[in-house]
PDB file of N, CA and C in Angstrom:
ATOM      1  N   MET A   1      17.313  -0.025  -7.992  1.00  0.00           N
ATOM      2  CA  MET A   1      16.086  -0.288  -7.938  1.00  0.00           C
ATOM      3  C   MET A   1      15.097   0.182  -9.074  1.00  0.00           C
ATOM      4  N   SER A   2      14.209  -0.384  -9.211  1.00  0.00           N
ATOM      5  CA  SER A   2      13.652  -0.704 -10.643  1.00  0.00           C
ATOM      6  C   SER A   2      12.392   0.451 -10.780  1.00  0.00           C
ATOM      7  N   THR A   3      11.685   0.691 -11.406  1.00  0.00           N
ATOM      8  CA  THR A   3      10.549   1.349 -11.484  1.00  0.00           C
ATOM      9  C   THR A   3       9.495   0.503 -11.050  1.00  0.00           C
ATOM     10  N   ASN A   4       9.444  -0.630 -11.133  1.00  0.00           N
ATOM     11  CA  ASN A   4       8.520  -1.704 -10.479  1.00  0.00           C
ATOM     12  C   ASN A   4       8.348  -1.575  -9.250  1.00  0.00           C
ATOM     13  N   ASP A   5       9.784  -1.277  -8.693  1.00  0.00           N
ATOM     14  CA  ASP A   5       9.794  -1.337  -7.199  1.00  0.00           C
ATOM     15  C   ASP A   5       9.093  -0.059  -6.340  1.00  0.00           C
ATOM     16  N   LEU A   6       9.080   0.988  -7.262  1.00  0.00           N
ATOM     17  CA  LEU A   6       8.512   2.120  -6.946  1.00  0.00           C
ATOM     18  C   LEU A   6       6.893   2.089  -7.121  1.00  0.00           C
ATOM     19  N   ASN A   7       6.359   1.469  -8.035  1.00  0.00           N
ATOM     20  CA  ASN A   7       5.223   1.121  -8.502  1.00  0.00           C
ATOM     21  C   ASN A   7       4.576   2.664  -9.273  1.00  0.00           C
ATOM     22  N   LEU A   8       5.795   3.066 -10.235  1.00  0.00           N
ATOM     23  CA  LEU A   8       5.680   4.166 -11.030  1.00  0.00           C
ATOM     24  C   LEU A   8       5.229   3.523 -12.730  1.00  0.00           C
ATOM     25  N   PRO A   9       4.227   4.274 -12.988  1.00  0.00           N
ATOM     26  CA  PRO A   9       3.376   3.990 -14.323  1.00  0.00           C
ATOM     27  C   PRO A   9       4.888   3.780 -15.286  1.00  0.00           C
ATOM     28  N   ASP A  10       4.374   3.156 -16.250  1.00  0.00           N
ATOM     29  CA  ASP A  10       5.071   2.822 -17.292  1.00  0.00           C
ATOM     30  C   ASP A  10       5.039   3.563 -18.624  1.00  0.00           C
ATOM     31  N   LEU A  11       5.391   4.792 -18.681  1.00  0.00           N
ATOM     32  CA  LEU A  11       5.111   5.819 -19.761  1.00  0.00           C
ATOM     33  C   LEU A  11       5.671   5.651 -21.320  1.00  0.00           C
ATOM     34  N   ALA A  12       6.434   4.842 -21.238  1.00  0.00           N
ATOM     35  CA  ALA A  12       7.221   4.157 -22.281  1.00  0.00           C
ATOM     36  C   ALA A  12       6.612   3.579 -23.654  1.00  0.00           C
ATOM     37  N   GLN A  13       5.684   2.836 -23.085  1.00  0.00           N
ATOM     38  CA  GLN A  13       4.295   2.087 -23.883  1.00  0.00           C
ATOM     39  C   GLN A  13       3.399   2.980 -24.177  1.00  0.00           C
ATOM     40  N   SER A  14       2.975   3.252 -25.198  1.00  0.00           N
ATOM     41  CA  SER A  14       1.713   4.126 -26.044  1.00  0.00           C
ATOM     42  C   SER A  14       1.462   5.394 -24.934  1.00  0.00           C
ATOM     43  N   GLY A  15       2.128   5.891 -24.030  1.00  0.00           N
ATOM     44  CA  GLY A  15       1.748   6.915 -23.379  1.00  0.00           C
ATOM     45  C   GLY A  15       0.584   6.837 -22.534  1.00  0.00           C
ATOM     46  N   VAL A  16       0.357   5.562 -22.172  1.00  0.00           N
ATOM     47  CA  VAL A  16      -0.837   5.382 -21.292  1.00  0.00           C
ATOM     48  C   VAL A  16       0.013   4.487 -19.940  1.00  0.00           C
ATOM     49  N   ALA A  17      -0.673   4.970 -18.889  1.00  0.00           N
ATOM     50  CA  ALA A  17      -0.164   4.484 -17.630  1.00  0.00           C
ATOM     51  C   ALA A  17      -0.433   3.121 -17.392  1.00  0.00           C
ATOM     52  N   ALA A  18       0.229   2.272 -16.910  1.00  0.00           N
ATOM     53  CA  ALA A  18      -0.045   0.868 -16.571  1.00  0.00           C
ATOM     54  C   ALA A  18      -0.781   0.976 -15.154  1.00  0.00           C
ATOM     55  N   PRO A  19      -1.397  -0.245 -15.063  1.00  0.00           N
ATOM     56  CA  PRO A  19      -2.249  -0.014 -13.754  1.00  0.00           C
ATOM     57  C   PRO A  19      -1.270  -0.489 -12.536  1.00  0.00           C
ATOM     58  N   ARG A  20      -1.370   0.143 -11.420  1.00  0.00           N
ATOM     59  CA  ARG A  20      -0.612  -0.130 -10.274  1.00  0.00           C
ATOM     60  C   ARG A  20      -0.764  -1.254  -9.782  1.00  0.00           C
ATOM     61  N   LYS A  21      -0.138  -2.096  -9.301  1.00  0.00           N
ATOM     62  CA  LYS A  21      -0.007  -3.390  -8.442  1.00  0.00           C
ATOM     63  C   LYS A  21      -0.354  -3.042  -6.875  1.00  0.00           C
ATOM     64  N   ALA A  22      -1.206  -3.609  -6.342  1.00  0.00           N
ATOM     65  CA  ALA A  22      -1.569  -3.284  -5.196  1.00  0.00           C
ATOM     66  C   ALA A  22      -0.382  -3.654  -3.912  1.00  0.00           C
ATOM     67  N   SER A  23      -0.230  -2.722  -3.288  1.00  0.00           N
ATOM     68  CA  SER A  23       1.395  -3.036  -2.573  1.00  0.00           C
ATOM     69  C   SER A  23       0.856  -3.808  -1.282  1.00  0.00           C
ATOM     70  N   MET A  24       1.491  -5.031  -1.168  1.00  0.00           N
ATOM     71  CA  MET A  24       1.158  -5.735   0.006  1.00  0.00           C
ATOM     72  C   MET A  24       2.637  -5.789   0.903  1.00  0.00           C
ATOM     73  N   PRO A  25       2.192  -5.761   2.356  1.00  0.00           N
ATOM     74  CA  PRO A  25       3.838  -5.663   3.026  1.00  0.00           C
ATOM     75  C   PRO A  25       4.175  -6.903   2.700  1.00  0.00           C
ATOM     76  N   SER A  26       5.802  -6.974   2.387  1.00  0.00           N
ATOM     77  CA  SER A  26       6.542  -8.312   2.390  1.00  0.00           C
ATOM     78  C   SER A  26       6.463  -9.056   3.634  1.00  0.00           C
ATOM     79  N   SER A  27       6.988 -10.285   3.334  1.00  0.00           N
ATOM     80  CA  SER A  27       7.283 -11.151   4.725  1.00  0.00           C
ATOM     81  C   SER A  27       8.404 -10.511   5.633  1.00  0.00           C
ATOM     82  N   ASP A  28       9.341 -10.108   4.779  1.00  0.00           N
ATOM     83  CA  ASP A  28      10.170  -9.543   5.660  1.00  0.00           C
ATOM     84  C   ASP A  28      10.058  -8.358   6.592  1.00  0.00           C
ATOM     85  N   MET A  29       9.080  -7.592   5.818  1.00  0.00           N
ATOM     86  CA  MET A  29       8.415  -6.173   6.754  1.00  0.00           C
ATOM     87  C   MET A  29       7.480  -6.853   7.718  1.00  0.00           C
ATOM     88  N   LEU A  30       6.746  -7.925   7.716  1.00  0.00           N
ATOM     89  CA  LEU A  30       5.954  -8.833   8.732  1.00  0.00           C
ATOM     90  C   LEU A  30       6.801  -9.374   9.791  1.00  0.00           C
ATOM     91  N   ASP A  31       7.899  -9.802   9.229  1.00  0.00           N
ATOM     92  CA  ASP A  31       8.882 -10.060  10.398  1.00  0.00           C
ATOM     93  C   ASP A  31       9.447  -9.002  11.188  1.00  0.00           C
ATOM     94  N   ALA A  32       9.829  -7.930  10.587  1.00  0.00           N
ATOM     95  CA  ALA A  32      10.283  -6.899  11.323  1.00  0.00           C
ATOM     96  C   ALA A  32       9.489  -6.347  12.360  1.00  0.00           C
ATOM     97  N   ARG A  33       8.084  -6.136  11.730  1.00  0.00           N
ATOM     98  CA  ARG A  33       7.133  -5.855  12.713  1.00  0.00           C
ATOM     99  C   ARG A  33       6.770  -6.591  13.733  1.00  0.00           C
ATOM    100  N   ASP A  34       6.901  -7.986  13.729  1.00  0.00           N
ATOM    101  CA  ASP A  34       6.828  -8.780  14.915  1.00  0.00           C
ATOM    102  C   ASP A  34       8.057  -8.916  15.729  1.00  0.00           C
ATOM    103  N   LYS A  35       9.428  -8.578  15.205  1.00  0.00           N
ATOM    104  CA  LYS A  35      10.544  -8.396  15.847  1.00  0.00           C
ATOM    105  C   LYS A  35      10.605  -7.122  17.130  1.00  0.00           C
ATOM    106  N   ILE A  36       9.696  -5.941  16.392  1.00  0.00           N
ATOM    107  CA  ILE A  36       9.621  -4.814  17.156  1.00  0.00           C
ATOM    108  C   ILE A  36       8.857  -5.038  18.015  1.00  0.00           C
ATOM    109  N   ALA A  37       7.582  -5.394  17.872  1.00  0.00           N
ATOM    110  CA  ALA A  37       6.726  -5.891  18.723  1.00  0.00           C
ATOM    111  C   ALA A  37       7.273  -6.773  20.100  1.00  0.00           C
ATOM    112  N   SER A  38       7.727  -7.956  19.655  1.00  0.00           N
ATOM    113  CA  SER A  38       8.363  -8.450  20.653  1.00  0.00           C
ATOM    114  C   SER A  38       9.187  -8.123  21.483  1.00  0.00           C
ATOM    115  N   ASP A  39      10.055  -6.949  20.950  1.00  0.00           N
ATOM    116  CA  ASP A  39      11.177  -6.358  21.719  1.00  0.00           C
ATOM    117  C   ASP A  39      10.447  -5.525  22.916  1.00  0.00           C
ATOM    118  N   LEU A  40       9.288  -4.971  22.374  1.00  0.00           N
ATOM    119  CA  LEU A  40       8.555  -3.637  23.365  1.00  0.00           C
ATOM    120  C   LEU A  40       7.684  -4.695  24.498  1.00  0.00           C
ATOM    121  N   LYS A  41       7.547  -6.139  24.392  1.00  0.00           N
ATOM    122  CA  LYS A  41       6.939  -6.764  25.062  1.00  0.00           C
ATOM    123  C   LYS A  41       6.962  -6.567  26.733  1.00  0.00           C
ATOM    124  N   PRO A  42       8.468  -6.196  27.246  1.00  0.00           N
ATOM    125  CA  PRO A  42       8.528  -5.935  28.548  1.00  0.00           C
ATOM    126  C   PRO A  42       7.803  -4.723  29.206  1.00  0.00           C
ATOM    127  N   VAL A  43       7.560  -3.556  27.787  1.00  0.00           N
ATOM    128  CA  VAL A  43       6.836  -2.447  28.668  1.00  0.00           C
ATOM    129  C   VAL A  43       5.636  -2.408  28.383  1.00  0.00           C
ATOM    130  N   PHE A  44       4.633  -3.227  27.901  1.00  0.00           N
ATOM    131  CA  PHE A  44       3.402  -3.573  27.814  1.00  0.00           C
ATOM    132  C   PHE A  44       2.631  -3.429  29.044  1.00  0.00           C
ATOM    133  N   ASP A  45       3.089  -4.060  30.190  1.00  0.00           N
ATOM    134  CA  ASP A  45       2.560  -4.111  31.446  1.00  0.00           C
ATOM    135  C   ASP A  45       2.995  -3.062  32.458  1.00  0.00           C
ATOM    136  N   VAL A  46       3.737  -1.929  31.752  1.00  0.00           N
ATOM    137  CA  VAL A  46       3.790  -0.637  32.729  1.00  0.00           C
ATOM    138  C   VAL A  46       2.668   0.181  32.585  1.00  0.00           C
ATOM    139  N   PRO A  47       2.149   0.603  33.852  1.00  0.00           N
ATOM    140  CA  PRO A  47       0.988   1.333  33.691  1.00  0.00           C
ATOM    141  C   PRO A  47       1.216   2.801  33.595  1.00  0.00           C
ATOM    142  N   VAL A  48       0.418   3.434  32.713  1.00  0.00           N
ATOM    143  CA  VAL A  48       0.319   5.111  32.635  1.00  0.00           C
ATOM    144  C   VAL A  48      -0.904   5.472  32.846  1.00  0.00           C
ATOM    145  N   SER A  49      -0.733   6.857  33.105  1.00  0.00           N
ATOM    146  CA  SER A  49      -1.780   7.785  33.735  1.00  0.00           C
ATOM    147  C   SER A  49      -2.441   8.274  32.445  1.00  0.00           C
ATOM    148  N   VAL A  50      -3.771   8.160  31.957  1.00  0.00           N
ATOM    149  CA  VAL A  50      -4.348   8.606  30.697  1.00  0.00           C
ATOM    150  C   VAL A  50      -5.440   9.607  31.412  1.00  0.00           C
ATOM    151  N   GLN A  51      -5.260  10.925  30.812  1.00  0.00           N
ATOM    152  CA  GLN A  51      -6.321  11.844  31.253  1.00  0.00           C
ATOM    153  C   GLN A  51      -7.167  12.510  29.708  1.00  0.00           C
ATOM    154  N   ALA A  52      -8.300  12.573  30.038  1.00  0.00           N
ATOM    155  CA  ALA A  52      -9.114  13.025  28.849  1.00  0.00           C
ATOM    156  C   ALA A  52      -9.596  14.300  29.615  1.00  0.00           C
ATOM    157  N   VAL A  53      -9.026  15.473  28.948  1.00  0.00           N
ATOM    158  CA  VAL A  53      -9.371  16.846  29.752  1.00  0.00           C
ATOM    159  C   VAL A  53     -10.473  17.429  28.410  1.00  0.00           C
ATOM    160  N   ILE A  54     -11.674  17.773  29.413  1.00  0.00           N
ATOM    161  CA  ILE A  54     -12.549  18.364  28.494  1.00  0.00           C
ATOM    162  C   ILE A  54     -12.666  19.945  28.751  1.00  0.00           C
ATOM    163  N   GLY A  55     -11.969  20.559  29.422  1.00  0.00           N
ATOM    164  CA  GLY A  55     -11.635  21.640  29.441  1.00  0.00           C
ATOM    165  C   GLY A  55     -11.052  22.370  31.059  1.00  0.00           C
ATOM    166  N   ARG A  56     -10.766  23.472  31.125  1.00  0.00           N
ATOM    167  CA  ARG A  56      -9.809  24.253  32.354  1.00  0.00           C
ATOM    168  C   ARG A  56     -10.667  25.385  32.684  1.00  0.00           C
ATOM    169  N   THR A  57     -10.479  25.628  33.812  1.00  0.00           N
ATOM    170  CA  THR A  57     -10.984  26.886  34.583  1.00  0.00           C
ATOM    171  C   THR A  57      -9.889  27.668  35.686  1.00  0.00           C
ATOM    172  N   THR A  58      -9.976  28.778  35.879  1.00  0.00           N
ATOM    173  CA  THR A  58      -9.003  29.161  36.928  1.00  0.00           C
ATOM    174  C   THR A  58      -9.999  30.052  37.812  1.00  0.00           C
ATOM    175  N   ILE A  59     -10.224  29.448  39.250  1.00  0.00           N
ATOM    176  CA  ILE A  59     -11.130  30.150  39.951  1.00  0.00           C
ATOM    177  C   ILE A  59     -10.320  30.521  41.285  1.00  0.00           C
ATOM    178  N   GLU A  60     -10.977  31.319  42.307  1.00  0.00           N
ATOM    179  CA  GLU A  60      -9.963  31.887  43.100  1.00  0.00           C
ATOM    180  C   GLU A  60     -10.472  30.664  44.412  1.00  0.00           C
ATOM    181  N   VAL A  61      -9.579  30.503  45.329  1.00  0.00           N
ATOM    182  CA  VAL A  61      -9.912  29.651  46.367  1.00  0.00           C
ATOM    183  C   VAL A  61     -11.363  29.692  47.066  1.00  0.00           C
ATOM    184  N   SER A  62     -11.643  31.253  47.359  1.00  0.00           N
ATOM    185  CA  SER A  62     -12.918  31.313  48.020  1.00  0.00           C
ATOM    186  C   SER A  62     -13.736  30.700  47.149  1.00  0.00           C
ATOM    187  N   LYS A  63     -13.728  31.049  45.940  1.00  0.00           N
ATOM    188  CA  LYS A  63     -14.914  30.669  45.202  1.00  0.00           C
ATOM    189  C   LYS A  63     -15.206  29.190  45.031  1.00  0.00           C
ATOM    190  N   LEU A  64     -13.923  28.327  45.089  1.00  0.00           N
ATOM    191  CA  LEU A  64     -13.654  26.994  45.192  1.00  0.00           C
ATOM    192  C   LEU A  64     -14.521  26.752  46.287  1.00  0.00           C
ATOM    193  N   LEU A  65     -14.105  26.942  47.452  1.00  0.00           N
ATOM    194  CA  LEU A  65     -14.973  26.572  48.993  1.00  0.00           C
ATOM    195  C   LEU A  65     -16.625  26.876  48.672  1.00  0.00           C
ATOM    196  N   GLU A  66     -16.768  27.771  47.876  1.00  0.00           N
ATOM    197  CA  GLU A  66     -18.274  28.160  47.921  1.00  0.00           C
ATOM    198  C   GLU A  66     -19.059  27.018  46.992  1.00  0.00           C
ATOM    199  N   LEU A  67     -18.513  26.117  46.157  1.00  0.00           N
ATOM    200  CA  LEU A  67     -18.963  25.386  45.402  1.00  0.00           C
ATOM    201  C   LEU A  67     -19.998  24.235  45.987  1.00  0.00           C
ATOM    202  N   THR A  68     -21.151  23.814  45.480  1.00  0.00           N
ATOM    203  CA  THR A  68     -21.962  22.848  45.998  1.00  0.00           C
ATOM    204  C   THR A  68     -22.113  21.945  45.101  1.00  0.00           C
ATOM    205  N   GLU A  69     -23.078  20.858  45.353  1.00  0.00           N
ATOM    206  CA  GLU A  69     -23.596  19.865  44.478  1.00  0.00           C
ATOM    207  C   GLU A  69     -24.469  20.757  43.386  1.00  0.00           C
ATOM    208  N   GLY A  70     -24.207  20.563  42.157  1.00  0.00           N
ATOM    209  CA  GLY A  70     -25.157  21.320  41.116  1.00  0.00           C
ATOM    210  C   GLY A  70     -24.583  22.648  41.017  1.00  0.00           C
ATOM    211  N   SER A  71     -23.346  23.280  41.271  1.00  0.00           N
ATOM    212  CA  SER A  71     -22.701  24.324  40.709  1.00  0.00           C
ATOM    213  C   SER A  71     -22.106  23.913  39.609  1.00  0.00           C
ATOM    214  N   VAL A  72     -22.154  24.937  38.596  1.00  0.00           N
ATOM    215  CA  VAL A  72     -21.442  24.896  37.300  1.00  0.00           C
ATOM    216  C   VAL A  72     -20.567  25.697  37.271  1.00  0.00           C
ATOM    217  N   LEU A  73     -19.267  24.852  36.535  1.00  0.00           N
ATOM    218  CA  LEU A  73     -18.028  25.643  36.280  1.00  0.00           C
ATOM    219  C   LEU A  73     -17.930  25.820  34.838  1.00  0.00           C
ATOM    220  N   GLU A  74     -17.860  27.082  34.339  1.00  0.00           N
ATOM    221  CA  GLU A  74     -17.555  27.136  33.070  1.00  0.00           C
ATOM    222  C   GLU A  74     -16.298  27.084  32.671  1.00  0.00           C
ATOM    223  N   LEU A  75     -16.093  26.416  31.552  1.00  0.00           N
ATOM    224  CA  LEU A  75     -14.620  25.678  31.096  1.00  0.00           C
ATOM    225  C   LEU A  75     -14.387  26.705  29.808  1.00  0.00           C
ATOM    226  N   ASP A  76     -13.086  26.280  29.375  1.00  0.00           N
ATOM    227  CA  ASP A  76     -12.519  27.180  28.169  1.00  0.00           C
ATOM    228  C   ASP A  76     -12.586  26.444  26.866  1.00  0.00           C
ATOM    229  N   ARG A  77     -13.789  25.673  26.957  1.00  0.00           N
ATOM    230  CA  ARG A  77     -13.920  24.927  25.641  1.00  0.00           C
ATOM    231  C   ARG A  77     -15.751  25.255  25.198  1.00  0.00           C
ATOM    232  N   ARG A  78     -15.665  24.909  23.946  1.00  0.00           N
ATOM    233  CA  ARG A  78     -17.078  24.992  23.563  1.00  0.00           C
ATOM    234  C   ARG A  78     -17.476  23.565  23.253  1.00  0.00           C
ATOM    235  N   VAL A  79     -18.754  23.587  22.981  1.00  0.00           N
ATOM    236  CA  VAL A  79     -19.289  22.124  23.080  1.00  0.00           C
ATOM    237  C   VAL A  79     -18.866  21.910  21.495  1.00  0.00           C
ATOM    238  N   GLY A  80     -18.699  20.593  21.458  1.00  0.00           N
ATOM    239  CA  GLY A  80     -18.100  19.978  20.591  1.00  0.00           C
ATOM    240  C   GLY A  80     -16.887  20.233  20.016  1.00  0.00           C
ATOM    241  N   GLU A  81     -16.235  20.668  20.465  1.00  0.00           N
ATOM    242  CA  GLU A  81     -14.845  21.180  20.373  1.00  0.00           C
ATOM    243  C   GLU A  81     -13.881  20.131  20.591  1.00  0.00           C
ATOM    244  N   ALA A  82     -12.723  19.814  20.091  1.00  0.00           N
ATOM    245  CA  ALA A  82     -11.981  18.452  20.728  1.00  0.00           C
ATOM    246  C   ALA A  82     -11.494  18.574  21.751  1.00  0.00           C
ATOM    247  N   ILE A  83     -11.447  17.300  22.678  1.00  0.00           N
ATOM    248  CA  ILE A  83     -10.761  17.260  24.088  1.00  0.00           C
ATOM    249  C   ILE A  83      -9.359  17.020  23.842  1.00  0.00           C
ATOM    250  N   ASP A  84      -8.457  17.209  24.715  1.00  0.00           N
ATOM    251  CA  ASP A  84      -6.959  16.896  24.892  1.00  0.00           C
ATOM    252  C   ASP A  84      -6.914  15.411  25.598  1.00  0.00           C
ATOM    253  N   ILE A  85      -6.102  14.753  24.991  1.00  0.00           N
ATOM    254  CA  ILE A  85      -6.020  13.191  25.958  1.00  0.00           C
ATOM    255  C   ILE A  85      -4.377  13.178  26.001  1.00  0.00           C
ATOM    256  N   TYR A  86      -3.820  13.364  27.480  1.00  0.00           N
ATOM    257  CA  TYR A  86      -2.700  13.128  27.901  1.00  0.00           C
ATOM    258  C   TYR A  86      -2.341  11.863  28.364  1.00  0.00           C
ATOM    259  N   VAL A  87      -1.233  11.291  27.929  1.00  0.00           N
ATOM    260  CA  VAL A  87      -0.637  10.057  28.962  1.00  0.00           C
ATOM    261  C   VAL A  87       0.684  10.641  29.443  1.00  0.00           C
ATOM    262  N   ASN A  88       0.698  10.292  31.110  1.00  0.00           N
ATOM    263  CA  ASN A  88       1.722  10.761  31.644  1.00  0.00           C
ATOM    264  C   ASN A  88       2.082  12.106  31.478  1.00  0.00           C
ATOM    265  N   SER A  89       1.019  13.077  31.640  1.00  0.00           N
ATOM    266  CA  SER A  89       1.269  14.517  31.274  1.00  0.00           C
ATOM    267  C   SER A  89       1.530  14.947  30.117  1.00  0.00           C
ATOM    268  N   ARG A  90       1.567  14.037  29.151  1.00  0.00           N
ATOM    269  CA  ARG A  90       2.224  14.388  27.628  1.00  0.00           C
ATOM    270  C   ARG A  90       0.715  14.477  26.669  1.00  0.00           C
ATOM    271  N   LEU A  91       0.715  15.660  26.321  1.00  0.00           N
ATOM    272  CA  LEU A  91      -0.356  15.832  24.823  1.00  0.00           C
ATOM    273  C   LEU A  91       0.023  14.533  23.885  1.00  0.00           C
ATOM    274  N   VAL A  92      -1.158  13.588  23.803  1.00  0.00           N
ATOM    275  CA  VAL A  92      -0.760  12.741  22.390  1.00  0.00           C
ATOM    276  C   VAL A  92      -1.694  12.524  21.809  1.00  0.00           C
ATOM    277  N   ALA A  93      -2.717  13.152  21.929  1.00  0.00           N
ATOM    278  CA  ALA A  93      -4.028  13.115  21.185  1.00  0.00           C
ATOM    279  C   ALA A  93      -5.007  14.105  21.343  1.00  0.00           C
ATOM    280  N   ARG A  94      -6.132  14.015  20.425  1.00  0.00           N
ATOM    281  CA  ARG A  94      -7.248  15.059  20.428  1.00  0.00           C
ATOM    282  C   ARG A  94      -8.703  13.849  20.210  1.00  0.00           C
ATOM    283  N   GLY A  95      -9.558  14.165  20.956  1.00  0.00           N
ATOM    284  CA  GLY A  95     -10.759  13.269  20.602  1.00  0.00           C
ATOM    285  C   GLY A  95     -12.096  14.138  20.956  1.00  0.00           C
ATOM    286  N   GLU A  96     -13.025  12.996  20.827  1.00  0.00           N
ATOM    287  CA  GLU A  96     -14.171  13.539  20.888  1.00  0.00           C
ATOM    288  C   GLU A  96     -14.963  12.530  22.173  1.00  0.00           C
ATOM    289  N   VAL A  97     -15.913  12.871  23.148  1.00  0.00           N
ATOM    290  CA  VAL A  97     -16.637  12.333  24.172  1.00  0.00           C
ATOM    291  C   VAL A  97     -17.646  11.672  23.657  1.00  0.00           C
ATOM    292  N   VAL A  98     -17.940  10.174  23.908  1.00  0.00           N
ATOM    293  CA  VAL A  98     -18.751   9.226  23.505  1.00  0.00           C
ATOM    294  C   VAL A  98     -19.259   8.577  24.731  1.00  0.00           C
ATOM    295  N   VAL A  99     -20.382   8.067  24.513  1.00  0.00           N
ATOM    296  CA  VAL A  99     -21.446   7.334  25.485  1.00  0.00           C
ATOM    297  C   VAL A  99     -21.310   6.098  25.194  1.00  0.00           C
ATOM    298  N   VAL A 100     -20.900   5.003  25.734  1.00  0.00           N
ATOM    299  CA  VAL A 100     -20.849   3.873  25.446  1.00  0.00           C
ATOM    300  C   VAL A 100     -21.512   2.989  26.653  1.00  0.00           C
ATOM    301  N   ASP A 101     -22.799   2.263  26.574  1.00  0.00           N
ATOM    302  CA  ASP A 101     -23.180   1.651  27.503  1.00  0.00           C
ATOM    303  C   ASP A 101     -23.480   2.340  28.662  1.00  0.00           C
ATOM    304  N   ASP A 102     -23.820   3.722  28.711  1.00  0.00           N
ATOM    305  CA  ASP A 102     -24.013   4.280  30.054  1.00  0.00           C
ATOM    306  C   ASP A 102     -22.820   4.817  30.669  1.00  0.00           C
ATOM    307  N   ARG A 103     -21.865   4.539  29.824  1.00  0.00           N
ATOM    308  CA  ARG A 103     -20.433   5.264  30.497  1.00  0.00           C
ATOM    309  C   ARG A 103     -19.751   5.930  29.617  1.00  0.00           C
ATOM    310  N   LEU A 104     -19.149   7.282  30.206  1.00  0.00           N
ATOM    311  CA  LEU A 104     -18.206   7.966  29.093  1.00  0.00           C
ATOM    312  C   LEU A 104     -16.986   7.372  28.476  1.00  0.00           C
ATOM    313  N   GLY A 105     -16.606   7.866  27.231  1.00  0.00           N
ATOM    314  CA  GLY A 105     -15.419   7.166  26.675  1.00  0.00           C
ATOM    315  C   GLY A 105     -14.830   8.510  25.839  1.00  0.00           C
ATOM    316  N   VAL A 106     -13.738   8.022  25.016  1.00  0.00           N
ATOM    317  CA  VAL A 106     -12.969   9.196  24.115  1.00  0.00           C
ATOM    318  C   VAL A 106     -12.854   8.397  23.152  1.00  0.00           C
ATOM    319  N   THR A 107     -13.120   8.911  21.777  1.00  0.00           N
ATOM    320  CA  THR A 107     -12.910   8.735  20.341  1.00  0.00           C
ATOM    321  C   THR A 107     -11.557   9.481  20.141  1.00  0.00           C
ATOM    322  N   MET A 108     -10.500   8.632  19.623  1.00  0.00           N
ATOM    323  CA  MET A 108      -9.267   9.617  19.325  1.00  0.00           C
ATOM    324  C   MET A 108      -9.631  10.129  17.869  1.00  0.00           C
ATOM    325  N   THR A 109      -9.580  11.514  17.562  1.00  0.00           N
ATOM    326  CA  THR A 109      -9.788  11.787  16.116  1.00  0.00           C
ATOM    327  C   THR A 109      -8.477  12.261  15.433  1.00  0.00           C
ATOM    328  N   GLU A 110      -7.376  12.622  16.393  1.00  0.00           N
ATOM    329  CA  GLU A 110      -6.103  13.028  15.848  1.00  0.00           C
ATOM    330  C   GLU A 110      -5.028  12.824  17.027  1.00  0.00           C
ATOM    331  N   ILE A 111      -4.034  12.213  16.365  1.00  0.00           N
ATOM    332  CA  ILE A 111      -2.679  11.769  17.136  1.00  0.00           C
ATOM    333  C   ILE A 111      -1.667  12.965  17.078  1.00  0.00           C
ATOM    334  N   ILE A 112      -1.618  13.294  18.270  1.00  0.00           N
ATOM    335  CA  ILE A 112      -0.306  14.308  18.077  1.00  0.00           C
ATOM    336  C   ILE A 112       1.006  13.662  18.050  1.00  0.00           C
ATOM    337  N   LYS A 113       2.018  13.922  17.117  1.00  0.00           N
ATOM    338  CA  LYS A 113       3.071  13.417  16.763  1.00  0.00           C
ATOM    339  C   LYS A 113       4.293  14.117  17.228  1.00  0.00           C
ATOM    340  N   ASN A 114       4.009  15.126  17.892  1.00  0.00           N
ATOM    341  CA  ASN A 114       5.439  15.767  18.228  1.00  0.00           C
ATOM    342  C   ASN A 114       4.981  16.425  19.578  1.00  0.00           C
ATOM    343  N   SER A 115       5.703  17.245  20.217  1.00  0.00           N
ATOM    344  CA  SER A 115       5.336  17.678  21.817  1.00  0.00           C
ATOM    345  C   SER A 115       4.923  19.026  21.630  1.00  0.00           C
ATOM    346  N   ASP A 116       4.667  19.829  20.350  1.00  0.00           N
ATOM    347  CA  ASP A 116       4.364  21.365  20.512  1.00  0.00           C
ATOM    348  C   ASP A 116       2.814  21.339  20.775  1.00  0.00           C
ATOM    349  N   GLY A 117       2.351  20.552  21.245  1.00  0.00           N
ATOM    350  CA  GLY A 117       0.802  20.486  21.080  1.00  0.00           C
ATOM    351  C   GLY A 117       0.334  21.179  22.358  1.00  0.00           C
TER     352      GLY A 117
END
């Protein structure tokens, strides 16, 4: 592998770093990505459960039975704090609540890459 393959500056000539080339995906990389996408096609139609959890609380059953329209439940989150996004009961992201055309939605702000969330 040459230094050009790594986009390293050439310091041998006059001590000035050479400009870096813009790295574009090669056709081999694009072909590999298309192959992976085609391999995953069978799972594209598999339904999954997505939950956006804005907060949690614990109350006694007697208090639950007393709830009426207009009752307020205090949750464990503060205003503006990120919400948890679960896919099939697994935490996969955090995000913010947004309003889109009079409907609530979620904007993902952080993807959770491991299961320790």
